[in-house]
N, C-alpha and C. Protein backbone atom coordinates (compact mmCIF):
# COMPACT_ATOMS: atom_id res chain seq x y z
N MET A 1 0.78 -1.21 -0.06
CA MET A 1 -0.23 0.11 0.17
C MET A 1 1.03 1.36 0.15
N ALA A 2 0.66 2.32 -0.71
CA ALA A 2 1.22 3.54 -1.22
C ALA A 2 1.25 4.41 0.36
N LYS A 3 2.32 4.78 0.72
CA LYS A 3 2.26 5.79 1.96
C LYS A 3 1.43 6.88 1.42
N ARG A 4 0.56 7.36 2.55
CA ARG A 4 -0.29 8.36 2.64
C ARG A 4 -0.19 9.38 3.57
N SER A 5 0.31 10.92 3.39
CA SER A 5 0.35 12.01 4.38
C SER A 5 -0.17 13.24 4.03
N THR A 6 -0.79 13.07 2.83
CA THR A 6 -1.64 14.22 2.57
C THR A 6 -2.97 14.73 3.22
N VAL A 7 -3.28 15.80 3.42
CA VAL A 7 -4.54 16.05 3.81
C VAL A 7 -5.55 16.07 2.70
N LEU A 8 -6.37 15.28 3.15
CA LEU A 8 -7.94 15.22 1.96
C LEU A 8 -8.93 16.35 2.70
N LYS A 9 -8.60 17.19 1.86
CA LYS A 9 -9.45 18.64 2.32
C LYS A 9 -11.02 18.63 2.29
N GLY A 10 -11.51 17.95 1.39
CA GLY A 10 -12.76 17.48 1.51
C GLY A 10 -13.72 18.63 0.75
N SER A 11 -14.86 18.74 0.84
CA SER A 11 -15.64 19.68 0.49
C SER A 11 -16.52 20.26 1.16
N PRO A 12 -16.32 21.94 1.68
CA PRO A 12 -16.93 22.60 2.42
C PRO A 12 -18.82 22.24 2.31
N VAL A 13 -19.10 22.37 1.34
CA VAL A 13 -20.52 22.12 0.88
C VAL A 13 -20.83 20.98 1.48
N PHE A 14 -20.13 19.60 1.04
CA PHE A 14 -20.84 18.39 1.41
C PHE A 14 -20.42 18.40 3.06
N TRP A 15 -19.55 19.02 3.64
CA TRP A 15 -19.58 18.64 4.98
C TRP A 15 -20.94 19.64 5.59
N LEU A 16 -21.33 20.50 5.11
CA LEU A 16 -22.78 21.24 5.70
C LEU A 16 -23.90 20.43 5.17
N PHE A 17 -23.61 19.76 4.12
CA PHE A 17 -24.57 18.74 3.86
C PHE A 17 -25.19 17.57 4.99
N LEU A 18 -24.00 17.09 5.06
CA LEU A 18 -23.62 16.22 6.18
C LEU A 18 -24.56 16.62 7.54
N LYS A 19 -23.96 17.68 7.99
CA LYS A 19 -24.17 18.50 9.44
C LYS A 19 -25.42 18.88 9.52
N PHE A 20 -26.12 19.31 8.58
CA PHE A 20 -27.47 19.71 8.53
C PHE A 20 -28.58 19.29 7.76
N VAL A 21 -28.17 18.27 7.11
CA VAL A 21 -29.40 17.52 6.26
C VAL A 21 -29.29 16.13 6.56
N LEU A 22 -28.04 15.30 5.97
CA LEU A 22 -28.24 14.17 6.00
C LEU A 22 -27.82 13.42 7.17
N LEU A 23 -26.82 13.65 8.15
CA LEU A 23 -26.54 12.85 9.23
C LEU A 23 -26.94 13.70 10.55
N GLY A 24 -26.65 15.18 10.58
CA GLY A 24 -26.71 15.93 11.73
C GLY A 24 -28.34 15.80 12.43
N PRO A 25 -29.26 16.07 11.71
CA PRO A 25 -30.67 15.61 12.47
C PRO A 25 -31.06 14.46 13.34
N ALA A 26 -30.63 13.57 12.33
CA ALA A 26 -30.74 11.99 12.84
C ALA A 26 -29.99 11.63 13.93
N LEU A 27 -28.55 12.28 14.05
CA LEU A 27 -28.01 12.22 15.29
C LEU A 27 -28.07 12.95 16.55
N ARG A 28 -28.80 14.08 16.49
CA ARG A 28 -29.29 14.71 17.25
C ARG A 28 -30.66 14.29 17.88
N LEU A 29 -31.32 13.83 17.02
CA LEU A 29 -32.80 13.18 17.41
C LEU A 29 -32.40 11.89 18.51
N LEU A 30 -31.30 11.02 17.70
CA LEU A 30 -31.02 9.95 18.48
C LEU A 30 -30.47 9.95 19.73
N PHE A 31 -29.13 11.03 20.04
CA PHE A 31 -28.42 10.90 21.20
C PHE A 31 -28.51 12.31 21.49
N ARG A 32 -29.24 13.17 21.42
CA ARG A 32 -29.68 14.31 22.18
C ARG A 32 -28.22 15.08 22.75
N PRO A 33 -27.28 15.37 22.10
CA PRO A 33 -25.92 15.64 22.72
C PRO A 33 -26.07 16.70 23.51
N LYS A 34 -25.40 17.01 24.53
CA LYS A 34 -25.47 17.78 25.46
C LYS A 34 -24.17 18.77 25.56
N VAL A 35 -23.54 19.86 25.28
CA VAL A 35 -22.45 20.32 25.31
C VAL A 35 -22.03 21.41 26.34
N THR A 36 -20.84 21.40 26.92
CA THR A 36 -20.41 22.30 27.65
C THR A 36 -19.23 22.98 27.25
N GLY A 37 -18.63 24.28 27.54
CA GLY A 37 -17.36 24.50 27.24
C GLY A 37 -16.99 25.09 25.75
N LEU A 38 -18.12 25.38 24.78
CA LEU A 38 -17.80 25.73 23.40
C LEU A 38 -17.12 26.79 23.45
N GLU A 39 -17.06 27.59 24.60
CA GLU A 39 -16.34 28.81 24.63
C GLU A 39 -14.90 28.73 24.18
N TYR A 40 -14.44 27.43 24.70
CA TYR A 40 -13.00 27.25 24.51
C TYR A 40 -12.28 26.96 23.14
N ILE A 41 -13.19 26.99 22.21
CA ILE A 41 -13.14 26.51 20.95
C ILE A 41 -12.75 27.92 20.29
N PRO A 42 -11.60 28.09 19.70
CA PRO A 42 -11.29 29.24 18.95
C PRO A 42 -12.25 29.51 17.90
N ARG A 43 -12.39 30.52 17.61
CA ARG A 43 -13.56 30.95 16.50
C ARG A 43 -12.53 31.14 15.28
N GLU A 44 -11.62 31.26 14.89
CA GLU A 44 -10.70 31.04 14.09
C GLU A 44 -9.26 30.65 14.23
N GLY A 45 -8.27 30.38 13.60
CA GLY A 45 -7.21 29.78 13.69
C GLY A 45 -7.33 28.66 13.80
N GLY A 46 -5.47 27.87 13.59
CA GLY A 46 -5.62 26.46 13.71
C GLY A 46 -5.53 26.01 15.50
N ALA A 47 -6.06 24.85 15.67
CA ALA A 47 -6.06 24.33 16.86
C ALA A 47 -6.21 22.80 16.92
N ILE A 48 -6.14 22.16 17.80
CA ILE A 48 -6.06 20.77 18.18
C ILE A 48 -7.05 20.43 19.00
N ILE A 49 -7.98 19.55 18.73
CA ILE A 49 -9.03 18.91 19.39
C ILE A 49 -8.85 17.73 19.81
N ALA A 50 -8.60 17.48 21.06
CA ALA A 50 -7.97 16.15 21.61
C ALA A 50 -9.11 15.44 22.79
N SER A 51 -9.53 14.19 22.30
CA SER A 51 -10.71 13.52 23.05
C SER A 51 -10.41 12.37 23.42
N ASN A 52 -11.03 11.61 24.47
CA ASN A 52 -11.11 10.35 24.58
C ASN A 52 -11.93 9.50 23.36
N HIS A 53 -11.86 8.38 23.43
CA HIS A 53 -12.50 7.63 22.03
C HIS A 53 -12.90 6.27 23.10
N MET A 54 -14.32 6.49 22.66
CA MET A 54 -15.09 5.39 23.48
C MET A 54 -16.10 4.40 22.05
N SER A 55 -15.97 5.00 20.99
CA SER A 55 -17.21 4.12 20.04
C SER A 55 -17.02 5.23 18.78
N PHE A 56 -17.13 4.51 17.70
CA PHE A 56 -17.47 4.89 16.19
C PHE A 56 -18.13 6.06 16.26
N LEU A 57 -19.09 6.36 17.32
CA LEU A 57 -20.10 7.66 17.09
C LEU A 57 -19.26 8.83 17.56
N ASP A 58 -17.92 8.94 18.20
CA ASP A 58 -17.41 9.93 18.79
C ASP A 58 -17.01 11.00 17.56
N GLY A 59 -16.44 10.31 16.68
CA GLY A 59 -15.89 11.22 15.34
C GLY A 59 -17.13 12.04 14.65
N MET A 60 -18.17 11.42 14.80
CA MET A 60 -19.61 12.21 14.01
C MET A 60 -20.01 13.26 14.63
N LEU A 61 -20.09 12.72 16.19
CA LEU A 61 -21.04 13.63 17.35
C LEU A 61 -20.12 15.08 17.87
N LEU A 62 -18.99 14.64 18.02
CA LEU A 62 -18.11 15.85 18.46
C LEU A 62 -18.19 17.20 17.50
N PRO A 63 -17.77 16.61 16.02
CA PRO A 63 -17.86 17.86 15.28
C PRO A 63 -19.25 18.50 15.06
N LEU A 64 -20.54 17.47 15.28
CA LEU A 64 -21.90 18.13 15.20
C LEU A 64 -22.12 19.37 16.13
N VAL A 65 -21.24 19.30 17.16
CA VAL A 65 -21.69 20.15 18.22
C VAL A 65 -20.75 21.58 18.16
N VAL A 66 -19.89 21.25 17.15
CA VAL A 66 -19.00 22.85 17.09
C VAL A 66 -19.42 23.38 15.99
N PRO A 67 -19.92 24.33 16.66
CA PRO A 67 -20.93 25.66 15.58
C PRO A 67 -19.56 26.42 14.68
N HIS A 68 -19.89 26.61 13.33
CA HIS A 68 -19.31 27.78 12.62
C HIS A 68 -18.06 26.95 11.94
N ARG A 69 -17.44 26.07 12.50
CA ARG A 69 -16.00 25.43 11.89
C ARG A 69 -16.27 23.83 11.70
N ARG A 70 -15.35 23.43 10.52
CA ARG A 70 -15.15 22.13 10.45
C ARG A 70 -14.15 21.16 11.31
N VAL A 71 -14.23 20.45 11.67
CA VAL A 71 -13.28 19.37 12.66
C VAL A 71 -12.72 18.54 11.53
N MET A 72 -11.40 18.66 11.25
CA MET A 72 -10.83 17.51 10.37
C MET A 72 -10.17 16.13 11.29
N TYR A 73 -10.46 15.43 11.07
CA TYR A 73 -9.83 14.07 12.08
C TYR A 73 -8.58 13.37 11.08
N LEU A 74 -7.86 12.83 12.19
CA LEU A 74 -6.98 12.16 11.75
C LEU A 74 -7.62 10.73 11.77
N THR A 75 -7.54 10.06 10.55
CA THR A 75 -8.30 8.80 10.31
C THR A 75 -7.39 7.69 9.56
N LYS A 76 -7.77 6.48 10.35
CA LYS A 76 -6.68 5.26 9.74
C LYS A 76 -7.22 4.97 8.30
N VAL A 77 -5.93 4.77 7.87
CA VAL A 77 -6.31 4.71 6.03
C VAL A 77 -7.31 3.24 6.27
N LYS A 78 -7.11 2.28 6.84
CA LYS A 78 -7.92 1.35 6.65
C LYS A 78 -9.40 1.45 6.54
N TYR A 79 -10.07 2.49 7.42
CA TYR A 79 -11.29 3.18 6.96
C TYR A 79 -11.53 3.83 5.89
N ILE A 80 -10.51 4.40 5.22
CA ILE A 80 -10.55 5.44 4.16
C ILE A 80 -10.85 4.30 3.01
N ASP A 81 -10.13 3.27 3.12
CA ASP A 81 -10.16 2.00 2.01
C ASP A 81 -11.22 1.62 1.79
N LYS A 82 -12.24 1.52 2.83
CA LYS A 82 -13.25 0.90 3.01
C LYS A 82 -14.36 1.62 1.83
N PRO A 83 -14.94 0.73 0.84
CA PRO A 83 -15.51 1.47 0.07
C PRO A 83 -16.88 1.97 0.31
N VAL A 84 -17.40 1.57 1.54
CA VAL A 84 -18.50 2.37 2.25
C VAL A 84 -18.43 3.50 2.80
N LEU A 85 -16.99 3.55 3.10
CA LEU A 85 -16.71 5.06 3.87
C LEU A 85 -15.97 5.90 3.20
N ARG A 86 -15.33 5.40 1.91
CA ARG A 86 -14.47 6.25 1.24
C ARG A 86 -15.06 7.74 1.01
N TRP A 87 -16.19 7.34 0.50
CA TRP A 87 -16.92 8.62 -0.46
C TRP A 87 -17.34 9.60 1.25
N PHE A 88 -17.52 8.79 2.34
CA PHE A 88 -18.06 10.16 3.16
C PHE A 88 -16.89 10.79 3.71
N LEU A 89 -15.85 9.91 4.30
CA LEU A 89 -14.60 10.70 4.81
C LEU A 89 -13.88 11.24 3.97
N THR A 90 -13.42 11.09 2.44
CA THR A 90 -12.81 12.09 1.77
C THR A 90 -13.58 13.38 1.18
N GLY A 91 -15.10 13.16 1.39
CA GLY A 91 -15.90 14.37 1.15
C GLY A 91 -15.88 15.09 2.46
N ALA A 92 -15.95 14.82 3.61
CA ALA A 92 -15.88 15.20 4.78
C ALA A 92 -14.42 15.94 4.91
N GLY A 93 -13.33 15.59 4.72
CA GLY A 93 -12.05 16.01 4.79
C GLY A 93 -11.54 15.26 6.22
N VAL A 94 -10.49 14.83 5.90
CA VAL A 94 -9.59 13.85 7.00
C VAL A 94 -8.21 13.83 6.76
N ILE A 95 -7.43 13.64 7.64
CA ILE A 95 -5.94 13.35 7.27
C ILE A 95 -5.58 11.93 7.84
N PRO A 96 -5.19 11.41 6.63
CA PRO A 96 -5.06 9.74 6.69
C PRO A 96 -3.72 9.36 7.65
N VAL A 97 -4.10 8.31 8.15
CA VAL A 97 -3.09 7.80 9.23
C VAL A 97 -2.97 6.35 8.65
N ALA A 98 -1.66 6.15 8.76
CA ALA A 98 -1.19 4.68 8.22
C ALA A 98 -0.19 4.47 9.27
N THR A 99 -0.20 3.21 10.11
CA THR A 99 0.75 2.91 10.80
C THR A 99 1.76 1.87 10.27
N ASP A 100 1.97 1.64 9.41
CA ASP A 100 3.00 0.69 9.08
C ASP A 100 4.64 0.97 9.21
N ASP A 101 4.66 2.16 9.38
CA ASP A 101 6.32 2.48 9.58
C ASP A 101 6.49 3.78 10.20
N ALA A 102 7.78 4.05 10.69
CA ALA A 102 8.03 5.27 11.12
C ALA A 102 8.15 6.54 10.15
N GLY A 103 8.16 6.37 8.94
CA GLY A 103 8.07 7.26 7.91
C GLY A 103 6.84 7.70 7.59
N THR A 104 5.90 6.85 7.40
CA THR A 104 4.71 7.34 7.53
C THR A 104 4.18 7.88 8.71
N ALA A 105 4.29 7.58 9.97
CA ALA A 105 3.90 8.46 11.07
C ALA A 105 4.51 9.79 10.82
N ARG A 106 5.67 10.09 10.48
CA ARG A 106 6.23 11.29 10.50
C ARG A 106 5.56 12.02 9.44
N GLY A 107 5.01 11.55 8.49
CA GLY A 107 4.09 12.11 7.21
C GLY A 107 2.88 12.98 7.63
N THR A 108 2.42 11.86 8.63
CA THR A 108 0.91 11.92 9.26
C THR A 108 1.29 13.35 10.06
N VAL A 109 2.16 13.26 10.87
CA VAL A 109 2.31 14.73 11.67
C VAL A 109 2.48 15.67 10.81
N ALA A 110 3.51 15.54 9.77
CA ALA A 110 3.74 16.80 9.27
C ALA A 110 2.41 17.30 8.31
N ALA A 111 1.35 16.34 7.93
CA ALA A 111 0.14 16.80 7.28
C ALA A 111 -0.37 17.37 8.29
N ALA A 112 -0.58 17.25 9.50
CA ALA A 112 -1.55 17.78 10.76
C ALA A 112 -0.95 19.05 10.89
N VAL A 113 0.30 19.11 11.18
CA VAL A 113 1.09 20.61 11.38
C VAL A 113 0.33 21.59 10.48
N GLU A 114 0.49 20.94 8.93
CA GLU A 114 0.33 21.68 7.88
C GLU A 114 -1.39 22.06 8.04
N ALA A 115 -2.26 21.20 8.42
CA ALA A 115 -3.61 21.57 8.37
C ALA A 115 -3.84 22.56 9.35
N VAL A 116 -3.07 22.43 10.67
CA VAL A 116 -3.05 23.42 11.56
C VAL A 116 -2.72 24.83 11.39
N HIS A 117 -1.44 25.02 10.31
CA HIS A 117 -0.95 26.24 10.21
C HIS A 117 -1.82 26.93 8.93
N ASP A 118 -2.74 25.93 8.18
CA ASP A 118 -3.75 26.49 7.39
C ASP A 118 -4.97 27.03 7.90
N GLY A 119 -4.76 26.99 9.31
CA GLY A 119 -6.15 27.52 10.11
C GLY A 119 -7.24 26.39 10.48
N ARG A 120 -6.99 25.25 10.41
CA ARG A 120 -8.17 24.17 10.52
C ARG A 120 -8.10 23.84 11.86
N LEU A 121 -9.25 23.06 12.31
CA LEU A 121 -9.30 22.47 13.81
C LEU A 121 -8.86 20.94 13.38
N VAL A 122 -7.90 20.36 14.05
CA VAL A 122 -7.78 18.98 13.61
C VAL A 122 -8.08 18.28 15.04
N GLY A 123 -8.62 17.18 14.60
CA GLY A 123 -9.31 16.28 15.71
C GLY A 123 -8.53 15.08 15.86
N ILE A 124 -8.16 14.59 17.28
CA ILE A 124 -7.49 13.83 17.32
C ILE A 124 -8.06 12.86 18.41
N PHE A 125 -7.90 11.36 18.51
CA PHE A 125 -8.09 10.62 19.26
C PHE A 125 -6.62 10.24 20.00
N PRO A 126 -5.79 10.74 20.82
CA PRO A 126 -4.80 10.46 21.35
C PRO A 126 -4.34 8.93 21.93
N GLU A 127 -5.67 8.39 22.06
CA GLU A 127 -5.63 6.70 22.67
C GLU A 127 -5.08 5.84 21.40
N GLY A 128 -5.70 6.37 20.33
CA GLY A 128 -5.35 5.81 18.87
C GLY A 128 -6.46 4.80 18.29
N THR A 129 -7.35 4.39 19.44
CA THR A 129 -8.30 3.31 19.19
C THR A 129 -9.28 3.33 20.23
N ARG A 130 -10.51 2.92 20.13
CA ARG A 130 -11.66 2.98 21.07
C ARG A 130 -11.10 2.14 22.33
N SER A 131 -11.48 2.72 23.62
CA SER A 131 -11.16 2.03 24.65
C SER A 131 -11.79 0.62 24.89
N PRO A 132 -11.24 -0.53 25.01
CA PRO A 132 -11.79 -1.80 24.97
C PRO A 132 -12.68 -2.08 26.28
N ASP A 133 -12.01 -1.23 27.51
CA ASP A 133 -12.82 -1.28 28.68
C ASP A 133 -13.65 -0.42 29.51
N GLY A 134 -13.84 0.97 28.59
CA GLY A 134 -14.26 2.15 29.20
C GLY A 134 -13.19 3.21 29.88
N ARG A 135 -11.95 2.60 29.99
CA ARG A 135 -11.26 3.27 30.97
C ARG A 135 -10.25 4.24 30.04
N LEU A 136 -9.68 5.39 30.37
CA LEU A 136 -9.00 6.05 29.60
C LEU A 136 -7.38 5.41 29.87
N HIS A 137 -7.24 5.08 28.18
CA HIS A 137 -5.89 4.65 28.25
C HIS A 137 -4.70 5.53 27.82
N ARG A 138 -3.28 4.92 27.83
CA ARG A 138 -2.33 5.92 27.68
C ARG A 138 -2.17 6.74 26.54
N GLY A 139 -1.88 7.61 26.26
CA GLY A 139 -2.02 8.65 24.86
C GLY A 139 -0.77 8.18 24.35
N LYS A 140 -0.83 8.21 22.59
CA LYS A 140 0.04 7.95 21.98
C LYS A 140 0.65 9.55 21.66
N THR A 141 1.97 9.68 21.33
CA THR A 141 2.77 10.89 21.59
C THR A 141 2.45 11.72 20.11
N GLY A 142 1.74 11.35 19.21
CA GLY A 142 1.47 11.88 18.14
C GLY A 142 0.91 13.32 18.56
N VAL A 143 -0.04 13.25 19.34
CA VAL A 143 -0.77 14.83 19.77
C VAL A 143 0.20 15.67 19.98
N ALA A 144 1.45 15.32 21.05
CA ALA A 144 2.31 16.28 21.40
C ALA A 144 3.35 16.63 20.28
N ARG A 145 3.53 15.57 19.34
CA ARG A 145 4.32 16.20 18.29
C ARG A 145 3.72 17.35 17.29
N ILE A 146 2.46 16.99 17.24
CA ILE A 146 1.59 18.14 16.61
C ILE A 146 1.55 19.41 17.39
N ALA A 147 1.51 19.68 18.50
CA ALA A 147 1.00 20.55 19.07
C ALA A 147 2.52 21.49 19.30
N LEU A 148 3.71 20.62 19.44
CA LEU A 148 4.86 21.26 19.80
C LEU A 148 5.22 21.86 18.36
N GLU A 149 5.19 20.94 17.17
CA GLU A 149 5.61 21.76 15.95
C GLU A 149 4.70 22.60 15.55
N SER A 150 3.64 22.81 15.90
CA SER A 150 2.62 23.67 15.26
C SER A 150 2.33 24.82 16.12
N GLY A 151 2.77 24.82 17.16
CA GLY A 151 2.75 25.95 18.49
C GLY A 151 1.20 25.83 18.48
N ALA A 152 0.30 25.34 18.05
CA ALA A 152 -1.12 25.35 18.31
C ALA A 152 -1.53 25.17 19.62
N PRO A 153 -2.89 25.58 20.26
CA PRO A 153 -3.36 25.35 21.23
C PRO A 153 -3.83 23.95 21.18
N VAL A 154 -4.11 23.20 22.43
CA VAL A 154 -4.80 21.82 22.22
C VAL A 154 -6.17 21.96 23.45
N VAL A 155 -7.03 21.63 22.45
CA VAL A 155 -8.28 22.27 23.33
C VAL A 155 -9.02 20.35 23.80
N PRO A 156 -8.94 20.03 25.09
CA PRO A 156 -9.15 18.85 25.63
C PRO A 156 -10.81 18.58 25.57
N ALA A 157 -11.19 17.50 25.22
CA ALA A 157 -12.47 17.09 25.46
C ALA A 157 -12.84 15.50 25.76
N GLY A 158 -14.03 15.88 26.56
CA GLY A 158 -14.37 14.42 27.21
C GLY A 158 -15.87 14.04 26.67
N ILE A 159 -15.82 13.01 26.21
CA ILE A 159 -17.08 12.46 25.32
C ILE A 159 -17.61 11.26 26.27
N ILE A 160 -19.20 11.47 26.73
CA ILE A 160 -19.85 10.53 27.80
C ILE A 160 -20.76 9.97 27.07
N GLY A 161 -20.95 8.42 27.03
CA GLY A 161 -22.39 7.97 26.93
C GLY A 161 -22.50 7.36 25.80
N THR A 162 -21.52 7.44 24.34
CA THR A 162 -21.27 6.92 23.24
C THR A 162 -21.19 5.48 23.43
N ASP A 163 -20.49 5.28 24.59
CA ASP A 163 -19.99 3.67 24.62
C ASP A 163 -21.09 2.82 24.76
N ARG A 164 -22.34 3.66 25.43
CA ARG A 164 -23.78 2.78 25.47
C ARG A 164 -24.26 3.11 24.26
N ALA A 165 -24.45 3.93 23.89
CA ALA A 165 -25.36 4.24 22.41
C ALA A 165 -24.73 3.68 21.16
N PHE A 166 -23.49 3.07 21.56
CA PHE A 166 -23.04 2.38 20.06
C PHE A 166 -21.64 1.66 20.67
N PRO A 167 -21.74 0.59 21.54
CA PRO A 167 -20.73 -0.25 22.26
C PRO A 167 -20.13 -1.05 21.07
N ARG A 168 -18.87 -1.42 21.51
CA ARG A 168 -18.02 -2.32 20.57
C ARG A 168 -18.46 -3.70 20.40
N GLY A 169 -18.71 -4.11 19.22
CA GLY A 169 -19.23 -5.33 18.90
C GLY A 169 -20.79 -5.17 18.31
N ALA A 170 -21.27 -4.10 18.74
CA ALA A 170 -22.74 -3.64 18.39
C ALA A 170 -23.10 -3.44 16.64
N LYS A 171 -23.82 -3.91 16.27
CA LYS A 171 -23.95 -3.69 14.75
C LYS A 171 -25.09 -2.42 14.46
N LEU A 172 -25.68 -1.98 15.22
CA LEU A 172 -26.26 -0.92 14.95
C LEU A 172 -26.21 -0.15 16.39
N PRO A 173 -26.63 1.53 16.06
CA PRO A 173 -26.51 2.52 17.43
C PRO A 173 -27.60 2.26 18.24
N ARG A 174 -28.01 2.76 19.25
CA ARG A 174 -29.42 2.64 19.88
C ARG A 174 -29.29 4.10 20.54
N PRO A 175 -30.91 4.51 20.72
CA PRO A 175 -30.92 5.93 21.29
C PRO A 175 -30.17 5.98 22.82
N HIS A 176 -29.17 6.88 22.90
CA HIS A 176 -28.57 7.31 24.20
C HIS A 176 -28.31 8.51 24.24
N ALA A 177 -28.50 9.34 25.40
CA ALA A 177 -28.23 11.08 25.39
C ALA A 177 -26.50 10.88 25.69
N VAL A 178 -25.73 11.85 25.36
CA VAL A 178 -24.26 11.99 24.83
C VAL A 178 -24.15 13.18 25.50
N ARG A 179 -23.01 13.16 26.47
CA ARG A 179 -22.88 14.32 26.72
C ARG A 179 -21.24 14.66 26.47
N ILE A 180 -21.06 15.94 25.88
CA ILE A 180 -19.63 16.29 25.33
C ILE A 180 -19.13 17.45 26.26
N ALA A 181 -18.05 17.55 26.65
CA ALA A 181 -17.53 18.58 27.60
C ALA A 181 -16.02 19.00 26.77
N PHE A 182 -15.89 20.68 26.68
CA PHE A 182 -14.56 20.80 26.29
C PHE A 182 -13.62 21.77 27.36
N GLY A 183 -12.54 21.64 27.57
CA GLY A 183 -11.78 22.26 28.50
C GLY A 183 -10.91 23.52 28.09
N PRO A 184 -10.38 23.95 28.91
CA PRO A 184 -9.60 25.33 28.64
C PRO A 184 -8.42 24.95 27.63
N PRO A 185 -8.07 25.31 26.61
CA PRO A 185 -7.00 25.25 25.67
C PRO A 185 -5.54 25.21 26.70
N VAL A 186 -4.70 24.38 25.86
CA VAL A 186 -3.41 24.55 26.72
C VAL A 186 -2.56 24.59 25.36
N ARG A 187 -1.16 25.11 25.54
CA ARG A 187 -0.41 25.46 24.85
C ARG A 187 1.05 24.83 25.45
N PHE A 188 1.70 24.37 24.56
CA PHE A 188 2.90 23.52 25.15
C PHE A 188 4.21 24.31 24.30
N ALA A 189 4.28 25.71 23.81
CA ALA A 189 5.68 26.00 23.40
C ALA A 189 6.98 26.07 24.34
N VAL A 190 7.68 25.51 24.05
CA VAL A 190 9.10 25.24 24.87
C VAL A 190 10.38 25.67 23.86
N PRO A 191 10.53 26.97 23.99
CA PRO A 191 11.49 27.68 22.96
C PRO A 191 12.87 26.90 23.50
N GLY A 192 13.42 26.26 21.90
CA GLY A 192 15.02 25.78 22.15
C GLY A 192 14.72 24.43 22.43
N VAL A 193 13.72 23.44 22.45
CA VAL A 193 13.43 22.37 22.88
C VAL A 193 13.15 21.38 21.47
N GLU A 194 13.76 20.69 21.30
CA GLU A 194 13.26 19.86 19.77
C GLU A 194 12.06 19.08 20.30
N ALA A 195 10.82 19.23 19.16
CA ALA A 195 10.01 18.25 19.27
C ALA A 195 9.78 17.03 19.60
N LYS A 196 10.93 16.27 18.86
CA LYS A 196 11.29 15.05 18.73
C LYS A 196 11.88 14.33 19.92
N ASP A 197 12.00 15.11 21.17
CA ASP A 197 12.16 14.87 22.55
C ASP A 197 11.43 13.93 23.30
N PRO A 198 11.93 12.50 23.19
CA PRO A 198 10.66 11.33 23.63
C PRO A 198 10.42 11.87 25.02
N SER A 199 11.09 12.52 26.01
CA SER A 199 10.89 12.69 27.28
C SER A 199 9.63 13.83 27.11
N LEU A 200 10.11 14.78 26.45
CA LEU A 200 8.84 15.88 26.29
C LEU A 200 7.81 15.36 25.38
N ASN A 201 7.94 14.61 24.80
CA ASN A 201 6.49 14.22 23.98
C ASN A 201 5.72 13.25 24.93
N ARG A 202 6.28 12.61 25.83
CA ARG A 202 5.60 11.82 26.50
C ARG A 202 5.05 12.82 28.00
N ALA A 203 5.86 13.52 27.99
CA ALA A 203 5.14 14.58 29.16
C ALA A 203 3.94 15.26 28.71
N VAL A 204 4.22 15.99 27.55
CA VAL A 204 2.97 16.52 27.13
C VAL A 204 1.82 15.70 26.80
N THR A 205 2.01 14.53 26.41
CA THR A 205 1.05 14.03 26.20
C THR A 205 0.30 13.48 27.19
N ASP A 206 1.00 13.25 28.62
CA ASP A 206 0.27 12.93 29.65
C ASP A 206 -0.64 13.97 30.04
N GLN A 207 -0.12 15.22 29.96
CA GLN A 207 -0.72 16.46 30.48
C GLN A 207 -1.97 16.49 29.49
N VAL A 208 -1.95 15.92 28.67
CA VAL A 208 -3.32 16.31 27.57
C VAL A 208 -4.34 15.20 28.26
N MET A 209 -3.72 13.65 28.46
CA MET A 209 -4.54 12.61 28.84
C MET A 209 -5.02 13.12 30.19
N ALA A 210 -4.35 13.83 31.07
CA ALA A 210 -4.91 14.37 32.22
C ALA A 210 -5.91 15.55 32.21
N ALA A 211 -5.93 16.06 31.36
CA ALA A 211 -7.00 17.33 31.14
C ALA A 211 -8.17 16.36 30.43
N ILE A 212 -8.06 15.48 29.58
CA ILE A 212 -9.35 14.70 29.25
C ILE A 212 -9.98 13.88 30.17
N ARG A 213 -9.17 13.53 30.84
CA ARG A 213 -9.63 12.41 32.32
C ARG A 213 -10.44 13.20 33.05
N LEU A 214 -10.04 14.37 33.32
CA LEU A 214 -10.87 15.43 34.12
C LEU A 214 -12.25 15.57 33.45
N LEU A 215 -12.34 15.91 32.12
CA LEU A 215 -13.72 16.04 31.80
C LEU A 215 -14.69 14.69 31.41
N SER A 216 -13.73 13.73 31.24
CA SER A 216 -14.92 12.32 31.02
C SER A 216 -14.86 11.83 32.29
N GLY A 217 -14.17 11.92 33.32
CA GLY A 217 -14.52 11.23 34.22
C GLY A 217 -13.95 9.83 34.24
N GLN A 218 -13.37 9.46 33.52
CA GLN A 218 -13.06 7.85 33.01
C GLN A 218 -11.78 7.77 34.12
N GLU A 219 -11.73 6.51 34.39
CA GLU A 219 -10.83 5.78 35.11
C GLU A 219 -9.67 5.59 34.58
N PRO A 220 -8.23 5.73 34.71
CA PRO A 220 -7.12 5.38 33.98
C PRO A 220 -7.05 3.99 33.99
N ALA A 221 -6.41 3.46 32.66
CA ALA A 221 -5.92 2.26 32.53
C ALA A 221 -4.46 2.02 33.18
N GLN A 222 -4.38 0.97 34.03
CA GLN A 222 -3.09 0.72 34.26
C GLN A 222 -2.21 0.41 33.29
N VAL A 223 -0.86 1.05 33.46
CA VAL A 223 0.33 0.93 32.21
C VAL A 223 1.29 -0.07 32.80
N THR A 224 1.47 -0.96 31.76
CA THR A 224 2.33 -2.04 32.20
C THR A 224 3.89 -1.66 31.89
N PRO A 225 4.45 -2.00 32.92
CA PRO A 225 5.86 -1.34 32.96
C PRO A 225 6.58 -1.94 31.72
N ALA A 226 7.75 -1.19 31.26
CA ALA A 226 8.40 -1.57 30.13
C ALA A 226 9.32 -2.73 30.62
N ALA A 227 9.38 -4.14 29.66
CA ALA A 227 10.44 -5.03 30.33
C ALA A 227 11.89 -4.46 30.30
């Protein structure tokens, strides 16, 4: 498979169609999302929205409640390659993520930084995948690298209830109220320090995950010590 690191910018018109006609009304009816902290999302300029990940619904409901702006998510290539999802994801606009090698990961970070510098809201699930047990798992350091290299603020978010609305293994979602809380943005500008410093990346990522946990109320998963 060819490496992909470019931004699929999508169509603003298609995005509005999804949000207000095709999907948005049904999502609001089924899941009645209640949101707090919208004042923390900048009305213009690039920023990163980092949240917990409980369900496939997260990537649809969080952008739905953000007014006036599109949220462009980092999305695994395996989903973009699925025929049923390809038209939806490419039309909405995403940043492809392939995890087959380090070079591809660097390309993904560069593409996300480019999107932030273009003034976009970039959405990321630092855990990398849905929580298998409802707990908040250790974040991957991509969020730190994007934040440090772009200088953009990170807006933490906690999503509550999507695991009950669309649990792992379920074939169809079911009606259930969802809450989404945004927290104060944090910046990680560290003059003179390389964004590739592993210890710095881990410290920044852990700080982001701590902010997410305060909003989601999840218990942290235990980290297995390295051998």
